[in-house]
């Protein structure tokens, strides 16, 4: 997961906020990637952009922090049936194609088994 929400209280507040506006999330994308691959990619970014803040120690600490906060979010959205997991180990093109396929599948399911939806995104089939 990347972006917002980053914590369970934020997710709960977002859900209440959307309910008050008679809407809901269709899904939550979780981007999974091996920690060593993250370190490798950020090391390459550091070299390209001459960044001094992307040391291996700092990156590993960010990953530990991120994992600690996102684990409850993954379970929260998994229990609601809204979690779509995307492998980020491939190229940009491969990851983009996987996201497109997951979203198309989600839309197909919502059109095949329509449920009362407050979501404007997938209500048009």
N, C-alpha and C. Protein backbone atom coordinates (compact mmCIF):
# COMPACT_ATOMS: atom_id res chain seq x y z
N UNK A 1 0.84 -1.17 0.00
CA UNK A 1 0.00 0.00 0.00
C UNK A 1 0.89 1.23 0.00
N UNK A 2 0.42 2.22 -0.69
CA UNK A 2 1.18 3.45 -0.73
C UNK A 2 0.18 4.60 -0.78
N UNK A 3 0.50 5.66 -0.09
CA UNK A 3 -0.40 6.81 -0.13
C UNK A 3 -1.23 6.92 1.14
N UNK A 4 -2.52 7.09 0.96
CA UNK A 4 -3.44 7.30 2.08
C UNK A 4 -4.56 6.30 1.98
N UNK A 5 -5.00 5.73 3.05
CA UNK A 5 -4.56 5.90 4.44
C UNK A 5 -3.30 5.09 4.73
N UNK A 6 -2.58 5.50 5.74
CA UNK A 6 -1.36 4.80 6.14
C UNK A 6 -1.50 4.10 7.48
N UNK A 7 -2.55 4.41 8.22
CA UNK A 7 -2.76 3.79 9.52
C UNK A 7 -4.21 3.32 9.63
N UNK A 8 -4.45 2.40 10.55
CA UNK A 8 -5.80 1.89 10.76
C UNK A 8 -6.78 3.00 11.17
N UNK A 9 -6.42 3.89 12.09
CA UNK A 9 -7.35 4.98 12.42
C UNK A 9 -7.68 5.86 11.21
N UNK A 10 -6.71 6.10 10.34
CA UNK A 10 -6.98 6.88 9.13
C UNK A 10 -7.96 6.14 8.23
N UNK A 11 -7.81 4.82 8.10
CA UNK A 11 -8.72 4.03 7.27
C UNK A 11 -10.14 4.07 7.83
N UNK A 12 -10.26 3.95 9.13
CA UNK A 12 -11.58 3.99 9.76
C UNK A 12 -12.22 5.37 9.59
N UNK A 13 -11.41 6.42 9.75
CA UNK A 13 -11.93 7.78 9.56
C UNK A 13 -12.33 8.01 8.10
N UNK A 14 -11.54 7.49 7.18
CA UNK A 14 -11.87 7.62 5.76
C UNK A 14 -13.20 6.93 5.45
N UNK A 15 -13.38 5.74 6.00
CA UNK A 15 -14.63 5.02 5.76
C UNK A 15 -15.84 5.81 6.29
N UNK A 16 -15.72 6.37 7.49
CA UNK A 16 -16.81 7.19 8.05
C UNK A 16 -17.06 8.43 7.18
N UNK A 17 -15.99 9.07 6.76
CA UNK A 17 -16.09 10.25 5.91
C UNK A 17 -16.85 9.92 4.62
N UNK A 18 -16.48 8.81 3.98
CA UNK A 18 -17.13 8.43 2.73
C UNK A 18 -18.58 8.03 2.95
N UNK A 19 -18.85 7.32 4.06
CA UNK A 19 -20.24 6.94 4.36
C UNK A 19 -21.12 8.17 4.52
N UNK A 20 -20.59 9.21 5.14
CA UNK A 20 -21.37 10.44 5.32
C UNK A 20 -21.70 11.09 3.98
N UNK A 21 -20.92 10.77 2.97
CA UNK A 21 -21.13 11.32 1.63
C UNK A 21 -21.76 10.30 0.69
N UNK A 22 -22.28 9.22 1.29
CA UNK A 22 -22.96 8.17 0.56
C UNK A 22 -22.12 7.59 -0.57
N UNK A 23 -20.87 7.29 -0.25
CA UNK A 23 -19.97 6.66 -1.21
C UNK A 23 -19.09 5.66 -0.46
N UNK A 24 -18.31 4.89 -1.20
CA UNK A 24 -17.44 3.90 -0.58
C UNK A 24 -16.26 3.61 -1.49
N UNK A 25 -15.24 3.01 -0.92
CA UNK A 25 -14.10 2.57 -1.73
C UNK A 25 -14.48 1.30 -2.47
N UNK A 26 -14.02 1.19 -3.71
CA UNK A 26 -14.20 -0.04 -4.47
C UNK A 26 -13.16 -1.07 -4.06
N UNK A 27 -11.94 -0.60 -3.86
CA UNK A 27 -10.85 -1.52 -3.53
C UNK A 27 -9.69 -0.76 -2.93
N UNK A 28 -8.74 -1.54 -2.45
CA UNK A 28 -7.49 -1.00 -1.94
C UNK A 28 -6.38 -1.81 -2.59
N UNK A 29 -5.46 -1.15 -3.26
CA UNK A 29 -4.34 -1.83 -3.90
C UNK A 29 -3.18 -1.94 -2.92
N UNK A 30 -2.64 -3.13 -2.79
CA UNK A 30 -1.46 -3.35 -1.96
C UNK A 30 -0.33 -3.78 -2.88
N UNK A 31 0.72 -3.00 -2.90
CA UNK A 31 1.87 -3.29 -3.75
C UNK A 31 2.91 -4.03 -2.91
N UNK A 32 3.13 -5.29 -3.24
CA UNK A 32 4.09 -6.08 -2.47
C UNK A 32 5.40 -6.20 -3.24
N UNK A 33 6.48 -6.15 -2.48
CA UNK A 33 7.81 -6.24 -3.08
C UNK A 33 8.78 -6.73 -2.02
N UNK A 34 9.75 -7.48 -2.44
CA UNK A 34 10.77 -8.00 -1.55
C UNK A 34 11.61 -6.85 -0.99
N UNK A 35 11.89 -6.89 0.28
CA UNK A 35 12.65 -5.80 0.93
C UNK A 35 14.01 -5.58 0.27
N UNK A 36 14.66 -6.65 -0.11
CA UNK A 36 15.98 -6.51 -0.76
C UNK A 36 15.86 -5.79 -2.10
N UNK A 37 14.76 -6.02 -2.80
CA UNK A 37 14.53 -5.33 -4.07
C UNK A 37 14.31 -3.84 -3.83
N UNK A 38 13.60 -3.49 -2.76
CA UNK A 38 13.40 -2.08 -2.42
C UNK A 38 14.75 -1.42 -2.15
N UNK A 39 15.57 -2.07 -1.35
CA UNK A 39 16.90 -1.51 -1.04
C UNK A 39 17.69 -1.32 -2.32
N UNK A 40 17.67 -2.31 -3.19
CA UNK A 40 18.40 -2.22 -4.46
C UNK A 40 17.89 -1.07 -5.32
N UNK A 41 16.58 -0.95 -5.45
CA UNK A 41 16.02 0.13 -6.28
C UNK A 41 16.33 1.51 -5.71
N UNK A 42 16.23 1.63 -4.42
CA UNK A 42 16.51 2.94 -3.82
C UNK A 42 18.00 3.27 -3.91
N UNK A 43 18.85 2.26 -3.81
CA UNK A 43 20.29 2.48 -4.00
C UNK A 43 20.55 3.02 -5.40
N UNK A 44 19.89 2.46 -6.41
CA UNK A 44 20.05 2.96 -7.79
C UNK A 44 19.53 4.39 -7.91
N UNK A 45 18.41 4.68 -7.25
CA UNK A 45 17.86 6.04 -7.26
C UNK A 45 18.86 6.99 -6.62
N UNK A 46 19.44 6.55 -5.52
CA UNK A 46 20.41 7.39 -4.81
C UNK A 46 21.57 7.75 -5.73
N UNK A 47 22.04 6.79 -6.50
CA UNK A 47 23.15 7.06 -7.42
C UNK A 47 22.74 7.99 -8.55
N UNK A 48 21.54 7.79 -9.11
CA UNK A 48 21.07 8.63 -10.22
C UNK A 48 20.83 10.06 -9.78
N UNK A 49 20.19 10.22 -8.61
CA UNK A 49 19.76 11.54 -8.17
C UNK A 49 20.70 12.18 -7.16
N UNK A 50 21.80 11.52 -6.89
CA UNK A 50 22.80 12.01 -5.92
C UNK A 50 22.17 12.35 -4.58
N UNK A 51 21.33 11.46 -4.10
CA UNK A 51 20.64 11.66 -2.82
C UNK A 51 21.50 11.12 -1.70
N UNK A 52 21.59 11.88 -0.63
CA UNK A 52 22.36 11.42 0.53
C UNK A 52 21.48 10.86 1.63
N UNK A 53 20.15 11.02 1.50
CA UNK A 53 19.25 10.57 2.56
C UNK A 53 18.79 9.12 2.37
N UNK A 54 19.20 8.47 1.31
CA UNK A 54 18.77 7.10 1.03
C UNK A 54 19.86 6.07 1.37
N UNK A 55 20.36 6.12 2.58
CA UNK A 55 21.33 5.11 2.99
C UNK A 55 20.60 3.80 3.25
N UNK A 56 21.33 2.70 3.21
CA UNK A 56 20.71 1.40 3.45
C UNK A 56 20.06 1.34 4.83
N UNK A 57 20.72 1.88 5.83
CA UNK A 57 20.17 1.87 7.19
C UNK A 57 18.84 2.63 7.26
N UNK A 58 18.79 3.80 6.65
CA UNK A 58 17.57 4.60 6.65
C UNK A 58 16.45 3.89 5.89
N UNK A 59 16.79 3.30 4.75
CA UNK A 59 15.78 2.59 3.95
C UNK A 59 15.22 1.42 4.73
N UNK A 60 16.07 0.64 5.38
CA UNK A 60 15.59 -0.52 6.15
C UNK A 60 14.72 -0.07 7.33
N UNK A 61 15.06 1.04 7.96
CA UNK A 61 14.23 1.56 9.05
C UNK A 61 12.88 2.02 8.52
N UNK A 62 12.86 2.67 7.37
CA UNK A 62 11.58 3.08 6.75
C UNK A 62 10.72 1.86 6.45
N UNK A 63 11.34 0.79 5.96
CA UNK A 63 10.58 -0.43 5.65
C UNK A 63 9.99 -1.04 6.91
N UNK A 64 10.76 -1.09 8.00
CA UNK A 64 10.23 -1.63 9.26
C UNK A 64 9.06 -0.79 9.75
N UNK A 65 9.21 0.51 9.69
CA UNK A 65 8.15 1.44 10.11
C UNK A 65 6.90 1.24 9.24
N UNK A 66 7.10 1.20 7.94
CA UNK A 66 5.99 1.04 7.00
C UNK A 66 5.26 -0.28 7.26
N UNK A 67 6.02 -1.36 7.41
CA UNK A 67 5.40 -2.67 7.65
C UNK A 67 4.59 -2.67 8.95
N UNK A 68 5.10 -2.03 9.98
CA UNK A 68 4.40 -2.00 11.25
C UNK A 68 3.06 -1.29 11.17
N UNK A 69 2.99 -0.26 10.35
CA UNK A 69 1.75 0.50 10.22
C UNK A 69 0.79 -0.10 9.21
N UNK A 70 1.33 -0.73 8.15
CA UNK A 70 0.44 -1.20 7.10
C UNK A 70 -0.13 -2.60 7.34
N UNK A 71 0.52 -3.41 8.15
CA UNK A 71 0.00 -4.76 8.40
C UNK A 71 -1.46 -4.74 8.87
N UNK A 72 -1.83 -3.91 9.84
CA UNK A 72 -3.24 -3.86 10.24
C UNK A 72 -4.15 -3.37 9.11
N UNK A 73 -3.67 -2.49 8.25
CA UNK A 73 -4.47 -2.00 7.13
C UNK A 73 -4.75 -3.12 6.13
N UNK A 74 -3.74 -3.94 5.88
CA UNK A 74 -3.94 -5.04 4.94
C UNK A 74 -5.04 -5.97 5.43
N UNK A 75 -5.01 -6.30 6.71
CA UNK A 75 -6.03 -7.17 7.28
C UNK A 75 -7.40 -6.49 7.27
N UNK A 76 -7.42 -5.21 7.57
CA UNK A 76 -8.68 -4.43 7.59
C UNK A 76 -9.37 -4.50 6.23
N UNK A 77 -8.61 -4.22 5.16
CA UNK A 77 -9.21 -4.24 3.82
C UNK A 77 -9.43 -5.66 3.31
N UNK A 78 -8.59 -6.60 3.73
CA UNK A 78 -8.81 -8.00 3.36
C UNK A 78 -10.13 -8.50 3.94
N UNK A 79 -10.39 -8.20 5.21
CA UNK A 79 -11.64 -8.62 5.85
C UNK A 79 -12.86 -8.01 5.16
N UNK A 80 -12.73 -6.84 4.60
CA UNK A 80 -13.84 -6.18 3.91
C UNK A 80 -13.96 -6.65 2.46
N UNK A 81 -13.04 -7.51 2.03
CA UNK A 81 -13.06 -8.00 0.66
C UNK A 81 -12.65 -6.96 -0.36
N UNK A 82 -11.89 -5.96 0.08
CA UNK A 82 -11.52 -4.85 -0.81
C UNK A 82 -10.03 -4.84 -1.18
N UNK A 83 -9.27 -5.78 -0.65
CA UNK A 83 -7.82 -5.76 -0.87
C UNK A 83 -7.47 -6.47 -2.18
N UNK A 84 -6.78 -5.76 -3.05
CA UNK A 84 -6.22 -6.33 -4.27
C UNK A 84 -4.71 -6.25 -4.15
N UNK A 85 -4.05 -7.39 -4.21
CA UNK A 85 -2.60 -7.43 -4.02
C UNK A 85 -1.89 -7.49 -5.36
N UNK A 86 -0.92 -6.60 -5.51
CA UNK A 86 -0.17 -6.45 -6.75
C UNK A 86 1.29 -6.72 -6.47
N UNK A 87 1.89 -7.60 -7.26
CA UNK A 87 3.33 -7.83 -7.13
C UNK A 87 4.05 -6.68 -7.84
N UNK A 88 4.96 -6.05 -7.14
CA UNK A 88 5.72 -4.94 -7.71
C UNK A 88 7.14 -5.37 -8.08
N UNK A 89 7.35 -6.65 -8.22
CA UNK A 89 8.69 -7.16 -8.54
C UNK A 89 9.02 -7.03 -10.03
N UNK A 90 8.03 -6.78 -10.86
CA UNK A 90 8.27 -6.69 -12.30
C UNK A 90 8.64 -5.29 -12.76
N UNK A 91 8.62 -5.13 -14.05
CA UNK A 91 8.88 -3.83 -14.65
C UNK A 91 7.66 -2.93 -14.44
N UNK A 92 7.82 -1.67 -14.73
CA UNK A 92 6.70 -0.73 -14.65
C UNK A 92 5.56 -1.21 -15.55
N UNK A 93 5.90 -1.68 -16.74
CA UNK A 93 4.89 -2.14 -17.67
C UNK A 93 4.16 -3.37 -17.14
N UNK A 94 4.89 -4.30 -16.54
CA UNK A 94 4.28 -5.52 -15.99
C UNK A 94 3.35 -5.19 -14.82
N UNK A 95 3.80 -4.30 -13.94
CA UNK A 95 2.98 -3.92 -12.78
C UNK A 95 1.73 -3.18 -13.25
N UNK A 96 1.89 -2.29 -14.21
CA UNK A 96 0.75 -1.56 -14.75
C UNK A 96 -0.27 -2.52 -15.37
N UNK A 97 0.22 -3.52 -16.10
CA UNK A 97 -0.68 -4.50 -16.71
C UNK A 97 -1.40 -5.30 -15.64
N UNK A 98 -0.71 -5.68 -14.58
CA UNK A 98 -1.35 -6.43 -13.49
C UNK A 98 -2.44 -5.59 -12.82
N UNK A 99 -2.16 -4.31 -12.60
CA UNK A 99 -3.18 -3.43 -12.00
C UNK A 99 -4.39 -3.33 -12.92
N UNK A 100 -4.16 -3.13 -14.20
CA UNK A 100 -5.27 -3.02 -15.15
C UNK A 100 -6.10 -4.29 -15.15
N UNK A 101 -5.45 -5.44 -15.11
CA UNK A 101 -6.18 -6.72 -15.09
C UNK A 101 -7.00 -6.87 -13.82
N UNK A 102 -6.42 -6.53 -12.67
CA UNK A 102 -7.15 -6.63 -11.41
C UNK A 102 -8.37 -5.71 -11.39
N UNK A 103 -8.19 -4.48 -11.86
CA UNK A 103 -9.31 -3.54 -11.87
C UNK A 103 -10.39 -3.97 -12.87
N UNK A 104 -9.98 -4.50 -14.00
CA UNK A 104 -10.96 -4.99 -14.97
C UNK A 104 -11.74 -6.16 -14.39
N UNK A 105 -11.03 -7.04 -13.69
CA UNK A 105 -11.69 -8.18 -13.05
C UNK A 105 -12.68 -7.72 -11.98
N UNK A 106 -12.28 -6.71 -11.21
CA UNK A 106 -13.16 -6.15 -10.19
C UNK A 106 -14.41 -5.56 -10.83
N UNK A 107 -14.22 -4.82 -11.91
CA UNK A 107 -15.37 -4.23 -12.59
C UNK A 107 -16.26 -5.31 -13.17
N UNK A 108 -15.67 -6.34 -13.74
CA UNK A 108 -16.46 -7.44 -14.31
C UNK A 108 -17.29 -8.11 -13.22
N UNK A 109 -16.69 -8.36 -12.05
CA UNK A 109 -17.43 -8.98 -10.95
C UNK A 109 -18.58 -8.09 -10.50
N UNK A 110 -18.34 -6.78 -10.44
CA UNK A 110 -19.41 -5.89 -9.98
C UNK A 110 -20.53 -5.80 -11.00
N UNK A 111 -20.22 -6.01 -12.27
CA UNK A 111 -21.27 -5.98 -13.30
C UNK A 111 -22.01 -7.31 -13.36
N UNK A 112 -21.31 -8.40 -13.08
CA UNK A 112 -21.93 -9.73 -13.11
C UNK A 112 -22.80 -9.95 -11.88
N UNK A 113 -22.32 -9.51 -10.73
CA UNK A 113 -23.06 -9.66 -9.47
C UNK A 113 -23.31 -8.29 -8.86
N UNK A 114 -24.18 -7.52 -9.46
CA UNK A 114 -24.38 -6.16 -8.95
C UNK A 114 -24.94 -6.17 -7.54
N UNK A 115 -24.30 -5.39 -6.71
CA UNK A 115 -24.78 -5.17 -5.35
C UNK A 115 -25.11 -3.70 -5.24
N UNK A 116 -26.01 -3.36 -4.35
CA UNK A 116 -26.25 -1.93 -4.15
C UNK A 116 -24.93 -1.25 -3.83
N UNK A 117 -24.52 -0.36 -4.68
CA UNK A 117 -23.21 0.25 -4.51
C UNK A 117 -23.34 1.76 -4.42
N UNK A 118 -22.60 2.30 -3.51
CA UNK A 118 -22.55 3.75 -3.40
C UNK A 118 -21.38 4.30 -4.18
N UNK A 119 -20.64 3.40 -4.82
CA UNK A 119 -19.45 3.82 -5.53
C UNK A 119 -19.77 4.26 -6.95
N UNK A 120 -19.38 5.47 -7.31
CA UNK A 120 -19.65 5.93 -8.67
C UNK A 120 -18.75 5.24 -9.70
N UNK A 121 -17.61 4.70 -9.29
CA UNK A 121 -16.64 4.16 -10.22
C UNK A 121 -17.16 2.94 -10.96
N UNK A 122 -17.67 1.96 -10.22
CA UNK A 122 -18.06 0.71 -10.83
C UNK A 122 -19.56 0.53 -10.93
N UNK A 123 -20.31 1.59 -10.76
CA UNK A 123 -21.76 1.46 -10.88
C UNK A 123 -22.21 1.51 -12.34
N UNK A 124 -21.30 1.90 -13.23
CA UNK A 124 -21.64 1.95 -14.65
C UNK A 124 -21.08 0.70 -15.34
N UNK A 125 -21.95 -0.20 -15.73
CA UNK A 125 -21.50 -1.44 -16.38
C UNK A 125 -21.95 -1.46 -17.83
